[in-house]
Amino acid sequence: MNNVAIVGVTTWGITLAIMASKSQNNKITLLSRTEAEATNLSKEGECSRFLPGVRFPNSFTITSSVKDAISNANIIILAVPSHSFRRNIAEIAPAIPSHSILVSATKGLEMPNKLRMSEIVGEELSKEICENLCVISGPNLAKEIVVGKPSSSVVASNNIVNAQLVRDVLMQPTFRIYTSDDVIGVELCGTLKNIIAIGAGIVDGLELGDNSKAAYITRGIAEISRLGTSLGASAHTFAGLAGVGDIVATSFSKLSRNRHLGEQIALGRTLEQITYDMQNVIEGLETTRAAVELGELLGVELPITQAIYKILFEGMQPQQGIQELMNRPPTSE
């Protein structure tokens, strides 16, 4: 029997909890932020805010007690926004059993130091727990997965046995999971793809056509792969599910928050107007800032990322950004 604790009453956190609950070998506890939230979720039997109409399994336990949720868990999945990841780690740290496998399901970089989630774990928790860390990422639009549409993901760890256990806990007939030993690559793919998705939304909003979008996405993959490999990732990972797979999903899906953001900017709305209307965090905003800084620090050329940064934060018109990219000096692929 696996005792699985999910930290984060988010769309993705609830989805992973439901996937794990489908196996009778797993006991699932969902950790909420407050007692009132736990009571309300238990009473409603669903999360009407993020996943209305998706009923919780009867086997779910929902609690706001860190001790009750964490102290007996052998697998702990963190599915919280990147900006609150460190705070959540600190809150649960005293209750984490030393033998537990910690799974980061969070995509993003912590500013201002541009840290991956596994690096935050390394700063906050013991070496023993860090050695058991896994990360999960891929083309994972939660609202498709939770209703049983065929999907895939990647679990990465330096300990392949742990990755295989997490795979077996989460994998279902409609949710196929692969393992990897490239923790850095899987994390960076899940993070940097949001930049590409924002630009894909801009292409859609400007109605630039399929040729334009195909060229943009392809060059975007090359660009974030350059940055990723300079940070220690494998180029192979960027060509797989965590890379190309996630980029395709988030660049085309109407469910993608980052693609939606770019599309709305192209239609003339301001960043403030767009984010005000959205309940979920748009990780691509801080990721764009982080990537520009990393590119400058490492001497990696990131023309697409820099153009998106200027559109998001410096008032550049999307059409001008496209023109600057098209007018760059000729080069080989």
Protein backbone atom coordinates (compact mmCIF):
# COMPACT_ATOMS: atom_id res chain seq x y z
CA MET A 1 0.00 0.00 0.00
CA ASN A 2 1.32 3.44 -0.99
CA ASN A 3 0.36 6.41 1.15
CA VAL A 4 0.30 9.30 -1.31
CA ALA A 5 0.01 12.91 -0.14
CA ILE A 6 -0.81 15.66 -2.64
CA VAL A 7 0.25 19.16 -1.61
CA GLY A 8 -1.70 21.71 -3.65
CA VAL A 9 -5.41 22.01 -4.29
CA THR A 10 -4.68 23.08 -7.86
CA THR A 11 -6.01 21.78 -11.17
CA TRP A 12 -2.89 19.67 -11.63
CA GLY A 13 -2.68 18.57 -8.00
CA ILE A 14 -6.27 17.32 -7.98
CA THR A 15 -5.77 15.61 -11.34
CA LEU A 16 -2.72 13.71 -10.09
CA ALA A 17 -4.59 12.77 -6.92
CA ILE A 18 -7.45 11.35 -8.98
CA MET A 19 -5.02 9.41 -11.21
CA ALA A 20 -3.31 7.87 -8.18
CA SER A 21 -6.65 7.06 -6.54
CA LYS A 22 -7.62 4.75 -9.40
CA SER A 23 -5.34 2.06 -8.00
CA GLN A 24 -6.52 0.18 -4.91
CA ASN A 25 -2.89 0.00 -3.80
CA ASN A 26 -2.82 3.75 -3.15
CA LYS A 27 -4.25 5.67 -0.20
CA ILE A 28 -4.69 9.34 -1.16
CA THR A 29 -4.62 12.38 1.11
CA LEU A 30 -5.10 15.88 -0.30
CA LEU A 31 -3.53 18.65 1.80
CA SER A 32 -5.48 21.92 1.64
CA ARG A 33 -4.36 25.33 2.81
CA THR A 34 -6.98 25.88 5.52
CA GLU A 35 -9.47 23.89 7.59
CA ALA A 36 -12.32 25.84 5.98
CA GLU A 37 -11.12 24.87 2.51
CA ALA A 38 -10.78 21.22 3.52
CA THR A 39 -14.30 21.22 4.96
CA ASN A 40 -15.76 22.88 1.87
CA LEU A 41 -14.02 20.49 -0.54
CA SER A 42 -15.17 17.48 1.46
CA LYS A 43 -18.73 18.79 1.57
CA GLU A 44 -18.88 19.62 -2.16
CA GLY A 45 -17.07 16.46 -3.24
CA GLU A 46 -15.33 18.44 -5.98
CA CYS A 47 -13.25 21.55 -6.58
CA SER A 48 -15.80 23.84 -8.19
CA ARG A 49 -13.18 26.56 -8.64
CA PHE A 50 -10.77 24.64 -10.89
CA LEU A 51 -12.49 21.41 -11.92
CA PRO A 52 -16.26 21.87 -11.66
CA GLY A 53 -18.18 18.66 -12.21
CA VAL A 54 -15.19 16.37 -11.59
CA ARG A 55 -16.17 14.35 -8.54
CA PHE A 56 -13.65 13.27 -5.93
CA PRO A 57 -13.37 9.51 -5.34
CA ASN A 58 -14.92 8.34 -2.08
CA SER A 59 -11.50 7.15 -0.99
CA PHE A 60 -10.11 10.70 -0.86
CA THR A 61 -9.06 12.11 2.50
CA ILE A 62 -8.90 15.92 2.57
CA THR A 63 -7.21 17.67 5.47
CA SER A 64 -5.45 20.90 6.39
CA SER A 65 -3.23 19.09 8.91
CA VAL A 66 0.33 18.78 7.64
CA LYS A 67 1.06 16.07 10.17
CA ASP A 68 -1.97 13.97 9.18
CA ALA A 69 -1.24 14.32 5.46
CA ILE A 70 2.53 13.99 5.39
CA SER A 71 3.88 12.03 8.36
CA ASN A 72 2.87 8.59 7.05
CA ALA A 73 3.29 9.30 3.33
CA ASN A 74 5.86 7.39 1.32
CA ILE A 75 5.15 9.55 -1.76
CA ILE A 76 4.59 13.31 -1.49
CA ILE A 77 3.58 15.19 -4.63
CA LEU A 78 3.94 18.98 -4.68
CA ALA A 79 1.67 20.65 -7.25
CA VAL A 80 1.80 24.30 -6.24
CA PRO A 81 2.75 27.47 -8.15
CA SER A 82 6.50 28.03 -8.39
CA HIS A 83 6.34 31.30 -6.45
CA SER A 84 4.96 29.46 -3.40
CA PHE A 85 6.97 26.25 -3.80
CA ARG A 86 9.64 27.18 -1.23
CA ARG A 87 7.04 28.25 1.32
CA ASN A 88 5.17 24.98 0.92
CA ILE A 89 8.37 22.96 1.28
CA ALA A 90 9.24 24.83 4.49
CA GLU A 91 5.76 24.23 5.93
CA ILE A 92 5.80 20.47 5.38
CA ALA A 93 9.53 19.88 6.00
CA PRO A 94 9.28 18.92 9.70
CA ALA A 95 6.71 16.21 8.90
CA ILE A 96 8.44 14.60 5.90
CA PRO A 97 9.63 11.06 6.69
CA SER A 98 13.25 10.54 5.68
CA HIS A 99 12.33 7.59 3.44
CA SER A 100 9.64 9.47 1.48
CA ILE A 101 9.86 10.11 -2.24
CA LEU A 102 9.23 13.78 -2.98
CA VAL A 103 7.75 14.51 -6.41
CA SER A 104 7.80 18.02 -7.88
CA ALA A 105 4.91 18.57 -10.26
CA THR A 106 5.62 22.30 -10.43
CA LYS A 107 6.81 24.04 -13.61
CA GLY A 108 8.68 27.30 -13.19
CA LEU A 109 11.78 29.09 -11.93
CA GLU A 110 12.02 30.90 -8.61
CA MET A 111 13.01 34.53 -8.95
CA PRO A 112 15.27 36.40 -8.47
CA ASN A 113 17.77 33.54 -8.36
CA LYS A 114 16.25 31.59 -11.28
CA LEU A 115 16.22 28.31 -9.36
CA ARG A 116 14.57 25.12 -10.54
CA MET A 117 12.27 23.43 -8.04
CA SER A 118 14.77 20.63 -7.41
CA GLU A 119 17.36 23.28 -6.49
CA ILE A 120 14.95 24.75 -3.95
CA VAL A 121 14.47 21.28 -2.46
CA GLY A 122 18.25 21.01 -2.23
CA GLU A 123 18.41 24.21 -0.20
CA GLU A 124 15.50 23.42 2.11
CA LEU A 125 15.66 19.67 2.83
CA SER A 126 18.15 17.02 3.91
CA LYS A 127 20.48 15.28 1.49
CA GLU A 128 18.68 11.99 2.15
CA ILE A 129 15.33 13.38 0.99
CA CYS A 130 16.94 15.18 -1.97
CA GLU A 131 18.37 11.88 -3.21
CA ASN A 132 14.81 10.53 -3.42
CA LEU A 133 13.47 13.47 -5.45
CA CYS A 134 11.49 12.97 -8.66
CA VAL A 135 10.03 15.51 -11.08
CA ILE A 136 7.10 15.04 -13.45
CA SER A 137 6.43 17.01 -16.61
CA GLY A 138 5.08 16.60 -20.12
CA PRO A 139 2.14 17.54 -22.37
CA ASN A 140 -0.17 17.52 -19.38
CA LEU A 141 -3.31 19.57 -19.86
CA ALA A 142 -4.99 18.54 -16.64
CA LYS A 143 -8.57 18.99 -17.82
CA GLU A 144 -8.00 16.43 -20.58
CA ILE A 145 -6.23 13.93 -18.34
CA VAL A 146 -8.82 14.04 -15.57
CA VAL A 147 -11.66 13.08 -17.95
CA GLY A 148 -9.73 10.15 -19.37
CA LYS A 149 -8.39 11.44 -22.67
CA PRO A 150 -5.19 9.53 -23.62
CA SER A 151 -2.13 11.42 -22.36
CA SER A 152 1.52 10.86 -21.47
CA SER A 153 4.09 12.30 -19.11
CA VAL A 154 7.69 11.86 -17.94
CA VAL A 155 8.96 11.18 -14.42
CA ALA A 156 12.65 11.93 -13.94
CA SER A 157 14.95 11.11 -11.05
CA ASN A 158 18.60 10.44 -10.33
CA ASN A 159 17.27 7.28 -8.67
CA ILE A 160 15.56 5.31 -11.43
CA VAL A 161 13.91 2.93 -8.94
CA ASN A 162 12.08 5.87 -7.40
CA ALA A 163 11.04 7.12 -10.84
CA GLN A 164 9.65 3.68 -11.64
CA LEU A 165 7.65 3.58 -8.38
CA VAL A 166 6.12 7.00 -9.05
CA ARG A 167 5.36 5.91 -12.60
CA ASP A 168 3.54 2.83 -11.33
CA VAL A 169 1.57 4.84 -8.76
CA LEU A 170 0.27 7.34 -11.33
CA MET A 171 0.09 5.40 -14.59
CA GLN A 172 -3.38 4.43 -15.82
CA PRO A 173 -4.77 2.99 -19.09
CA THR A 174 -5.30 6.56 -20.32
CA PHE A 175 -2.22 8.10 -18.67
CA ARG A 176 1.04 6.58 -19.89
CA ILE A 177 4.22 7.60 -18.08
CA TYR A 178 7.86 7.23 -19.15
CA THR A 179 10.93 7.48 -16.92
CA SER A 180 14.09 9.54 -17.38
CA ASP A 181 17.30 10.29 -15.50
CA ASP A 182 17.52 13.87 -16.83
CA VAL A 183 16.05 15.86 -13.93
CA ILE A 184 17.48 19.16 -15.18
CA GLY A 185 16.18 18.63 -18.71
CA VAL A 186 12.67 17.59 -17.71
CA GLU A 187 12.38 20.55 -15.35
CA LEU A 188 13.68 23.06 -17.89
CA CYS A 189 11.48 21.70 -20.68
CA GLY A 190 8.39 22.10 -18.51
CA THR A 191 9.45 25.62 -17.62
CA LEU A 192 10.85 27.12 -20.83
CA LYS A 193 8.06 25.80 -23.06
CA ASN A 194 5.75 28.40 -21.51
CA ILE A 195 7.74 31.13 -23.24
CA ILE A 196 7.16 29.46 -26.59
CA ALA A 197 3.47 29.02 -25.82
CA ILE A 198 3.05 32.76 -25.18
CA GLY A 199 4.57 33.52 -28.57
CA ALA A 200 2.40 30.87 -30.23
CA GLY A 201 -0.62 32.66 -28.82
CA ILE A 202 0.63 35.92 -30.30
CA VAL A 203 0.93 34.23 -33.70
CA ASP A 204 -2.66 32.99 -33.34
CA GLY A 205 -3.95 36.37 -32.25
CA LEU A 206 -2.33 38.08 -35.21
CA GLU A 207 -3.70 35.37 -37.54
CA LEU A 208 -0.29 34.87 -39.12
CA GLY A 209 -1.07 31.37 -40.40
CA ASP A 210 0.23 27.84 -40.06
CA ASN A 211 3.56 28.40 -41.85
CA SER A 212 4.40 31.16 -39.41
CA LYS A 213 3.40 29.13 -36.37
CA ALA A 214 5.32 26.05 -37.51
CA ALA A 215 8.48 28.08 -38.15
CA TYR A 216 8.12 29.95 -34.86
CA ILE A 217 7.67 26.79 -32.77
CA THR A 218 10.54 25.00 -34.49
CA ARG A 219 12.95 27.88 -33.94
CA GLY A 220 11.65 28.23 -30.39
CA ILE A 221 12.50 24.61 -29.66
CA ALA A 222 16.02 25.16 -30.98
CA GLU A 223 16.36 28.26 -28.83
CA ILE A 224 15.27 26.79 -25.49
CA SER A 225 17.30 23.65 -26.22
CA ARG A 226 20.41 25.82 -26.52
CA LEU A 227 19.68 27.39 -23.17
CA GLY A 228 18.80 24.06 -21.56
CA THR A 229 21.95 22.27 -22.65
CA SER A 230 24.07 25.19 -21.44
CA LEU A 231 22.50 24.57 -18.01
CA GLY A 232 23.32 20.86 -18.02
CA ALA A 233 20.26 19.32 -19.68
CA SER A 234 20.35 16.69 -22.41
CA ALA A 235 19.36 17.84 -25.89
CA HIS A 236 17.60 14.48 -26.27
CA THR A 237 15.09 15.48 -23.58
CA PHE A 238 14.02 18.55 -25.55
CA ALA A 239 13.13 16.28 -28.47
CA GLY A 240 10.88 14.09 -26.31
CA LEU A 241 7.57 14.32 -24.46
CA ALA A 242 8.81 16.81 -21.88
CA GLY A 243 10.11 19.07 -24.65
CA VAL A 244 8.44 18.88 -28.07
CA GLY A 245 5.40 17.13 -26.63
CA ASP A 246 4.69 19.80 -24.05
CA ILE A 247 5.45 22.61 -26.48
CA VAL A 248 2.98 21.27 -29.05
CA ALA A 249 0.25 20.86 -26.43
CA THR A 250 0.63 24.29 -24.88
CA SER A 251 1.16 26.07 -28.19
CA PHE A 252 -2.05 24.77 -29.76
CA SER A 253 -4.51 24.04 -26.96
CA LYS A 254 -7.32 26.40 -26.00
CA LEU A 255 -6.74 25.13 -22.45
CA SER A 256 -3.22 26.59 -22.33
CA ARG A 257 -3.07 29.66 -20.09
CA ASN A 258 0.21 30.84 -21.62
CA ARG A 259 -1.05 30.53 -25.20
CA HIS A 260 -4.21 32.37 -24.16
CA LEU A 261 -2.12 35.17 -22.66
CA GLY A 262 -0.20 35.67 -25.91
CA GLU A 263 -3.35 35.58 -28.00
CA GLN A 264 -5.04 38.20 -25.84
CA ILE A 265 -1.99 40.49 -25.99
CA ALA A 266 -2.06 40.25 -29.78
CA LEU A 267 -5.73 41.25 -29.67
CA GLY A 268 -4.82 44.45 -27.84
CA ARG A 269 -5.51 43.67 -24.18
CA THR A 270 -3.02 44.66 -21.50
CA LEU A 271 -1.14 42.23 -19.29
CA GLU A 272 -2.99 43.57 -16.26
CA GLN A 273 -6.39 43.03 -17.86
CA ILE A 274 -5.57 39.47 -18.88
CA THR A 275 -4.08 38.30 -15.58
CA TYR A 276 -6.94 39.90 -13.61
CA ASP A 277 -9.43 37.65 -15.38
CA MET A 278 -7.46 34.42 -14.85
CA GLN A 279 -7.66 32.34 -11.68
CA ASN A 280 -4.54 30.24 -12.31
CA VAL A 281 -0.95 31.44 -12.25
CA ILE A 282 0.68 32.12 -15.64
CA GLU A 283 4.17 30.70 -15.07
CA GLY A 284 5.48 31.94 -18.41
CA LEU A 285 5.70 35.55 -17.25
CA GLU A 286 8.40 35.02 -14.62
CA THR A 287 10.01 32.33 -16.76
CA THR A 288 10.50 34.84 -19.57
CA ARG A 289 12.25 37.21 -17.18
CA ALA A 290 14.42 34.39 -15.86
CA ALA A 291 15.34 33.08 -19.30
CA VAL A 292 16.46 36.49 -20.54
CA GLU A 293 18.71 36.88 -17.50
CA LEU A 294 20.11 33.36 -17.90
CA GLY A 295 20.80 33.96 -21.58
CA GLU A 296 22.74 37.11 -20.80
CA LEU A 297 24.62 35.39 -17.98
CA LEU A 298 25.59 32.37 -20.07
CA GLY A 299 26.07 34.12 -23.39
CA VAL A 300 23.28 32.16 -25.09
CA GLU A 301 21.49 33.88 -27.97
CA LEU A 302 17.72 33.99 -27.34
CA PRO A 303 16.13 36.28 -29.94
CA ILE A 304 12.60 34.87 -29.60
CA THR A 305 12.65 35.02 -25.81
CA GLN A 306 13.98 38.58 -25.91
CA ALA A 307 11.26 39.63 -28.34
CA ILE A 308 8.56 38.16 -26.11
CA TYR A 309 10.12 39.89 -23.11
CA LYS A 310 9.94 43.24 -24.88
CA ILE A 311 6.30 42.65 -25.83
CA LEU A 312 5.35 41.62 -22.29
CA PHE A 313 7.31 44.12 -20.25
CA GLU A 314 8.61 46.94 -22.44
CA GLY A 315 5.54 47.87 -24.46
CA MET A 316 6.75 46.61 -27.83
CA GLN A 317 3.90 45.96 -30.26
CA PRO A 318 3.62 42.28 -31.27
CA GLN A 319 3.85 43.17 -34.98
CA GLN A 320 7.15 44.95 -34.33
CA GLY A 321 8.51 41.93 -32.48
CA ILE A 322 7.65 39.68 -35.42
CA GLN A 323 9.30 42.10 -37.84
CA GLU A 324 12.50 42.26 -35.80
CA LEU A 325 12.75 38.48 -35.79
CA MET A 326 12.16 38.28 -39.55
CA ASN A 327 14.77 40.99 -40.24
CA ARG A 328 17.61 39.27 -38.36
CA PRO A 329 20.74 38.57 -40.45
CA PRO A 330 20.61 35.35 -42.49
CA THR A 331 22.20 32.28 -40.91
CA SER A 332 22.32 28.48 -41.22
CA GLU A 333 19.92 26.24 -39.33
